[in-house]
């Protein structure tokens, strides 16, 4: 059980720190980097996901026109990802809160 609690702390910390780091980085941080997409690297053809990371980064910073130019699907993918991210964080928070409230009672 102690290992699960430690893992929950680490996971919750990562779920909080990663969005903060993405907010601190400039919106065009990933624009100049080479593509990591396997479709581009192997076949020299862009897939539907190409530009999604860059588009989501622009959405985080409120640059909607740049996000649209990279990938229009980011307007669907980013809210779904943000919702799932919040859901994971809330799950870990509830687990830790329940564990420590139960520990103090017993």
N, C-alpha and C. Protein backbone atom coordinates (compact mmCIF):
# COMPACT_ATOMS: atom_id res chain seq x y z
N UNK A 1 0.83 -1.20 0.00
CA UNK A 1 0.00 0.00 0.00
C UNK A 1 0.87 1.26 0.00
N UNK A 2 2.00 1.21 0.70
CA UNK A 2 2.87 2.38 0.74
C UNK A 2 3.40 2.73 -0.65
N UNK A 3 3.70 1.69 -1.47
CA UNK A 3 4.16 1.93 -2.83
C UNK A 3 3.09 2.60 -3.68
N UNK A 4 1.84 2.22 -3.47
CA UNK A 4 0.73 2.81 -4.21
C UNK A 4 0.56 4.28 -3.85
N UNK A 5 0.75 4.60 -2.57
CA UNK A 5 0.63 5.99 -2.13
C UNK A 5 1.75 6.84 -2.71
N UNK A 6 2.96 6.30 -2.70
CA UNK A 6 4.09 7.02 -3.29
C UNK A 6 3.86 7.25 -4.78
N UNK A 7 3.39 6.22 -5.48
CA UNK A 7 3.11 6.34 -6.90
C UNK A 7 2.02 7.39 -7.16
N UNK A 8 1.01 7.44 -6.28
CA UNK A 8 -0.05 8.43 -6.43
C UNK A 8 0.49 9.85 -6.26
N UNK A 9 1.39 10.04 -5.30
CA UNK A 9 2.00 11.36 -5.12
C UNK A 9 2.79 11.77 -6.36
N UNK A 10 3.57 10.84 -6.89
CA UNK A 10 4.38 11.14 -8.08
C UNK A 10 3.48 11.42 -9.28
N UNK A 11 2.45 10.62 -9.45
CA UNK A 11 1.54 10.81 -10.58
C UNK A 11 0.81 12.15 -10.47
N UNK A 12 0.33 12.49 -9.26
CA UNK A 12 -0.36 13.76 -9.07
C UNK A 12 0.58 14.93 -9.31
N UNK A 13 1.82 14.81 -8.85
CA UNK A 13 2.80 15.87 -9.08
C UNK A 13 3.05 16.06 -10.57
N UNK A 14 3.18 14.96 -11.31
CA UNK A 14 3.39 15.06 -12.76
C UNK A 14 2.18 15.66 -13.45
N UNK A 15 0.97 15.30 -13.00
CA UNK A 15 -0.25 15.83 -13.61
C UNK A 15 -0.39 17.33 -13.36
N UNK A 16 0.26 17.84 -12.33
CA UNK A 16 0.23 19.27 -12.05
C UNK A 16 1.38 19.99 -12.74
N UNK A 17 2.58 19.40 -12.70
CA UNK A 17 3.79 20.07 -13.20
C UNK A 17 3.80 20.17 -14.72
N UNK A 18 3.39 19.13 -15.42
CA UNK A 18 3.47 19.13 -16.90
C UNK A 18 2.67 20.27 -17.52
N UNK A 19 1.39 20.51 -17.12
CA UNK A 19 0.69 21.66 -17.70
C UNK A 19 1.33 23.01 -17.34
N UNK A 20 1.89 23.11 -16.15
CA UNK A 20 2.55 24.36 -15.75
C UNK A 20 3.77 24.61 -16.63
N UNK A 21 4.54 23.56 -16.90
CA UNK A 21 5.71 23.70 -17.77
C UNK A 21 5.28 24.10 -19.18
N UNK A 22 4.20 23.48 -19.69
CA UNK A 22 3.72 23.84 -21.02
C UNK A 22 3.23 25.28 -21.09
N UNK A 23 2.69 25.79 -19.99
CA UNK A 23 2.28 27.20 -19.94
C UNK A 23 3.48 28.13 -19.91
N UNK A 24 4.55 27.71 -19.25
CA UNK A 24 5.75 28.54 -19.14
C UNK A 24 6.49 28.61 -20.48
N UNK A 25 6.55 27.49 -21.20
CA UNK A 25 7.23 27.48 -22.49
C UNK A 25 6.50 28.39 -23.47
N UNK A 26 7.23 29.01 -24.40
CA UNK A 26 6.54 29.85 -25.39
C UNK A 26 5.67 29.00 -26.31
N UNK A 27 4.67 29.64 -26.89
CA UNK A 27 3.71 28.94 -27.74
C UNK A 27 4.32 28.32 -28.98
N UNK A 28 5.40 28.87 -29.47
CA UNK A 28 6.02 28.35 -30.69
C UNK A 28 7.23 27.47 -30.38
N UNK A 29 7.31 26.93 -29.18
CA UNK A 29 8.45 26.12 -28.76
C UNK A 29 8.67 24.90 -29.65
N UNK A 30 7.60 24.23 -30.03
CA UNK A 30 7.72 23.01 -30.84
C UNK A 30 7.67 23.28 -32.34
N UNK A 31 7.50 24.52 -32.75
CA UNK A 31 7.35 24.82 -34.18
C UNK A 31 8.62 24.58 -34.98
N UNK A 32 9.77 24.90 -34.44
CA UNK A 32 11.02 24.79 -35.18
C UNK A 32 11.64 23.41 -35.12
N UNK A 33 11.14 22.56 -34.26
CA UNK A 33 11.73 21.23 -34.09
C UNK A 33 11.38 20.32 -35.26
N UNK A 34 12.23 19.31 -35.49
CA UNK A 34 11.96 18.33 -36.54
C UNK A 34 10.78 17.46 -36.11
N UNK A 35 10.05 16.96 -37.05
CA UNK A 35 8.89 16.13 -36.77
C UNK A 35 9.31 14.78 -36.20
N UNK A 36 8.54 14.31 -35.21
CA UNK A 36 8.77 12.99 -34.63
C UNK A 36 7.78 11.96 -35.15
N UNK A 37 6.94 12.36 -36.06
CA UNK A 37 5.90 11.49 -36.60
C UNK A 37 6.54 10.38 -37.45
N UNK A 38 6.16 9.14 -37.17
CA UNK A 38 6.70 8.01 -37.94
C UNK A 38 6.29 8.07 -39.41
N UNK A 39 5.11 8.59 -39.67
CA UNK A 39 4.66 8.71 -41.05
C UNK A 39 5.57 9.65 -41.85
N UNK A 40 5.97 10.73 -41.22
CA UNK A 40 6.86 11.68 -41.89
C UNK A 40 8.27 11.10 -42.01
N UNK A 41 8.74 10.47 -40.94
CA UNK A 41 10.10 9.94 -40.95
C UNK A 41 10.27 8.76 -41.91
N UNK A 42 9.27 7.88 -41.99
CA UNK A 42 9.41 6.69 -42.82
C UNK A 42 8.92 6.88 -44.25
N UNK A 43 7.80 7.59 -44.41
CA UNK A 43 7.17 7.69 -45.72
C UNK A 43 7.16 9.10 -46.31
N UNK A 44 7.64 10.06 -45.56
CA UNK A 44 7.67 11.46 -46.00
C UNK A 44 6.28 11.97 -46.37
N UNK A 45 5.28 11.54 -45.58
CA UNK A 45 3.89 11.96 -45.79
C UNK A 45 3.28 12.30 -44.43
N UNK A 46 2.57 13.41 -44.37
CA UNK A 46 1.95 13.81 -43.11
C UNK A 46 0.68 13.01 -42.87
N UNK A 47 0.44 12.67 -41.60
CA UNK A 47 -0.77 11.95 -41.21
C UNK A 47 -1.76 12.96 -40.60
N UNK A 48 -2.92 12.48 -40.16
CA UNK A 48 -3.92 13.37 -39.58
C UNK A 48 -3.47 13.95 -38.24
N UNK A 49 -2.56 13.28 -37.58
CA UNK A 49 -2.08 13.76 -36.29
C UNK A 49 -0.92 14.74 -36.40
N UNK A 50 -0.35 14.89 -37.58
CA UNK A 50 0.78 15.81 -37.73
C UNK A 50 0.37 17.23 -37.36
N UNK A 51 1.16 17.85 -36.56
CA UNK A 51 0.88 19.21 -36.13
C UNK A 51 -0.02 19.29 -34.92
N UNK A 52 -0.50 18.16 -34.42
CA UNK A 52 -1.42 18.19 -33.29
C UNK A 52 -0.75 18.70 -32.02
N UNK A 53 0.48 18.29 -31.78
CA UNK A 53 1.21 18.77 -30.60
C UNK A 53 1.42 20.28 -30.69
N UNK A 54 1.85 20.74 -31.85
CA UNK A 54 2.08 22.18 -32.03
C UNK A 54 0.78 22.95 -31.94
N UNK A 55 -0.29 22.41 -32.49
CA UNK A 55 -1.59 23.07 -32.44
C UNK A 55 -2.10 23.15 -31.01
N UNK A 56 -1.96 22.07 -30.26
CA UNK A 56 -2.39 22.09 -28.85
C UNK A 56 -1.57 23.07 -28.04
N UNK A 57 -0.29 23.17 -28.33
CA UNK A 57 0.56 24.14 -27.63
C UNK A 57 0.08 25.56 -27.93
N UNK A 58 -0.31 25.83 -29.16
CA UNK A 58 -0.83 27.16 -29.50
C UNK A 58 -2.18 27.40 -28.84
N UNK A 59 -3.00 26.36 -28.71
CA UNK A 59 -4.29 26.51 -28.03
C UNK A 59 -4.09 26.84 -26.55
N UNK A 60 -3.11 26.21 -25.93
CA UNK A 60 -2.82 26.49 -24.52
C UNK A 60 -2.51 27.97 -24.33
N UNK A 61 -1.83 28.56 -25.29
CA UNK A 61 -1.44 29.96 -25.20
C UNK A 61 -2.44 30.92 -25.84
N UNK A 62 -3.56 30.39 -26.32
CA UNK A 62 -4.61 31.24 -26.86
C UNK A 62 -4.41 31.70 -28.28
N UNK A 63 -3.48 31.08 -29.00
CA UNK A 63 -3.24 31.43 -30.40
C UNK A 63 -4.09 30.54 -31.30
N UNK A 64 -5.35 30.91 -31.44
CA UNK A 64 -6.31 30.04 -32.13
C UNK A 64 -6.07 29.94 -33.63
N UNK A 65 -5.65 31.02 -34.26
CA UNK A 65 -5.41 30.99 -35.71
C UNK A 65 -4.21 30.11 -36.05
N UNK A 66 -3.15 30.17 -35.22
CA UNK A 66 -1.99 29.32 -35.46
C UNK A 66 -2.36 27.85 -35.23
N UNK A 67 -3.16 27.60 -34.19
CA UNK A 67 -3.60 26.23 -33.92
C UNK A 67 -4.41 25.70 -35.09
N UNK A 68 -5.29 26.52 -35.63
CA UNK A 68 -6.10 26.12 -36.77
C UNK A 68 -5.22 25.80 -37.98
N UNK A 69 -4.16 26.59 -38.18
CA UNK A 69 -3.30 26.36 -39.34
C UNK A 69 -2.48 25.08 -39.20
N UNK A 70 -2.16 24.67 -37.98
CA UNK A 70 -1.41 23.42 -37.80
C UNK A 70 -2.31 22.20 -37.92
N UNK A 71 -3.45 22.21 -37.22
CA UNK A 71 -4.34 21.06 -37.27
C UNK A 71 -5.69 21.45 -36.68
N UNK A 72 -6.73 21.39 -37.49
CA UNK A 72 -8.07 21.77 -37.04
C UNK A 72 -8.62 20.78 -36.01
N UNK A 73 -8.13 19.54 -36.02
CA UNK A 73 -8.60 18.54 -35.07
C UNK A 73 -8.18 18.85 -33.63
N UNK A 74 -7.27 19.79 -33.47
CA UNK A 74 -6.84 20.16 -32.12
C UNK A 74 -7.99 20.78 -31.33
N UNK A 75 -8.96 21.37 -32.01
CA UNK A 75 -10.10 21.97 -31.31
C UNK A 75 -11.02 20.90 -30.72
N UNK A 76 -10.87 19.67 -31.19
CA UNK A 76 -11.60 18.54 -30.61
C UNK A 76 -10.70 17.78 -29.63
N UNK A 77 -9.46 17.53 -30.04
CA UNK A 77 -8.55 16.70 -29.24
C UNK A 77 -8.13 17.38 -27.94
N UNK A 78 -7.85 18.67 -27.98
CA UNK A 78 -7.35 19.35 -26.78
C UNK A 78 -8.37 19.38 -25.63
N UNK A 79 -9.64 19.73 -25.87
CA UNK A 79 -10.59 19.68 -24.75
C UNK A 79 -10.78 18.27 -24.19
N UNK A 80 -10.77 17.26 -25.07
CA UNK A 80 -10.90 15.89 -24.59
C UNK A 80 -9.69 15.49 -23.74
N UNK A 81 -8.51 15.87 -24.19
CA UNK A 81 -7.30 15.58 -23.43
C UNK A 81 -7.30 16.32 -22.09
N UNK A 82 -7.71 17.57 -22.09
CA UNK A 82 -7.76 18.35 -20.85
C UNK A 82 -8.76 17.75 -19.87
N UNK A 83 -9.89 17.29 -20.38
CA UNK A 83 -10.89 16.66 -19.53
C UNK A 83 -10.35 15.37 -18.91
N UNK A 84 -9.70 14.54 -19.72
CA UNK A 84 -9.14 13.29 -19.22
C UNK A 84 -8.02 13.57 -18.22
N UNK A 85 -7.21 14.58 -18.48
CA UNK A 85 -6.12 14.96 -17.58
C UNK A 85 -6.68 15.37 -16.22
N UNK A 86 -7.73 16.18 -16.22
CA UNK A 86 -8.36 16.61 -14.97
C UNK A 86 -8.99 15.42 -14.24
N UNK A 87 -9.56 14.51 -15.00
CA UNK A 87 -10.18 13.31 -14.41
C UNK A 87 -9.13 12.45 -13.71
N UNK A 88 -7.97 12.27 -14.34
CA UNK A 88 -6.88 11.51 -13.71
C UNK A 88 -6.41 12.19 -12.43
N UNK A 89 -6.23 13.50 -12.49
CA UNK A 89 -5.78 14.24 -11.32
C UNK A 89 -6.77 14.16 -10.18
N UNK A 90 -8.05 14.28 -10.48
CA UNK A 90 -9.08 14.20 -9.45
C UNK A 90 -9.13 12.81 -8.83
N UNK A 91 -8.93 11.79 -9.64
CA UNK A 91 -8.92 10.41 -9.13
C UNK A 91 -7.77 10.22 -8.13
N UNK A 92 -6.58 10.70 -8.48
CA UNK A 92 -5.44 10.57 -7.57
C UNK A 92 -5.63 11.41 -6.32
N UNK A 93 -6.18 12.60 -6.48
CA UNK A 93 -6.44 13.47 -5.32
C UNK A 93 -7.42 12.81 -4.36
N UNK A 94 -8.50 12.23 -4.90
CA UNK A 94 -9.49 11.56 -4.05
C UNK A 94 -8.88 10.35 -3.33
N UNK A 95 -8.04 9.59 -4.04
CA UNK A 95 -7.39 8.44 -3.42
C UNK A 95 -6.53 8.87 -2.25
N UNK A 96 -5.70 9.89 -2.46
CA UNK A 96 -4.81 10.35 -1.39
C UNK A 96 -5.60 10.96 -0.23
N UNK A 97 -6.63 11.73 -0.54
CA UNK A 97 -7.45 12.34 0.50
C UNK A 97 -8.17 11.27 1.32
N UNK A 98 -8.70 10.27 0.65
CA UNK A 98 -9.39 9.18 1.35
C UNK A 98 -8.41 8.41 2.23
N UNK A 99 -7.23 8.14 1.69
CA UNK A 99 -6.25 7.37 2.45
C UNK A 99 -5.83 8.11 3.72
N UNK A 100 -5.55 9.41 3.62
CA UNK A 100 -5.08 10.15 4.78
C UNK A 100 -6.21 10.49 5.74
N UNK A 101 -7.44 10.67 5.26
CA UNK A 101 -8.54 10.91 6.19
C UNK A 101 -8.86 9.63 6.95
N UNK A 102 -8.74 8.49 6.30
CA UNK A 102 -8.99 7.20 6.95
C UNK A 102 -7.88 6.87 7.95
N UNK A 103 -6.64 7.26 7.62
CA UNK A 103 -5.50 7.02 8.50
C UNK A 103 -5.62 7.81 9.79
N UNK A 104 -6.12 9.05 9.70
CA UNK A 104 -6.27 9.90 10.88
C UNK A 104 -7.40 9.44 11.78
N UNK A 105 -8.43 8.81 11.21
CA UNK A 105 -9.57 8.34 11.98
C UNK A 105 -9.21 7.08 12.77
N UNK A 106 -8.46 6.18 12.13
CA UNK A 106 -8.15 4.90 12.76
C UNK A 106 -7.09 4.98 13.82
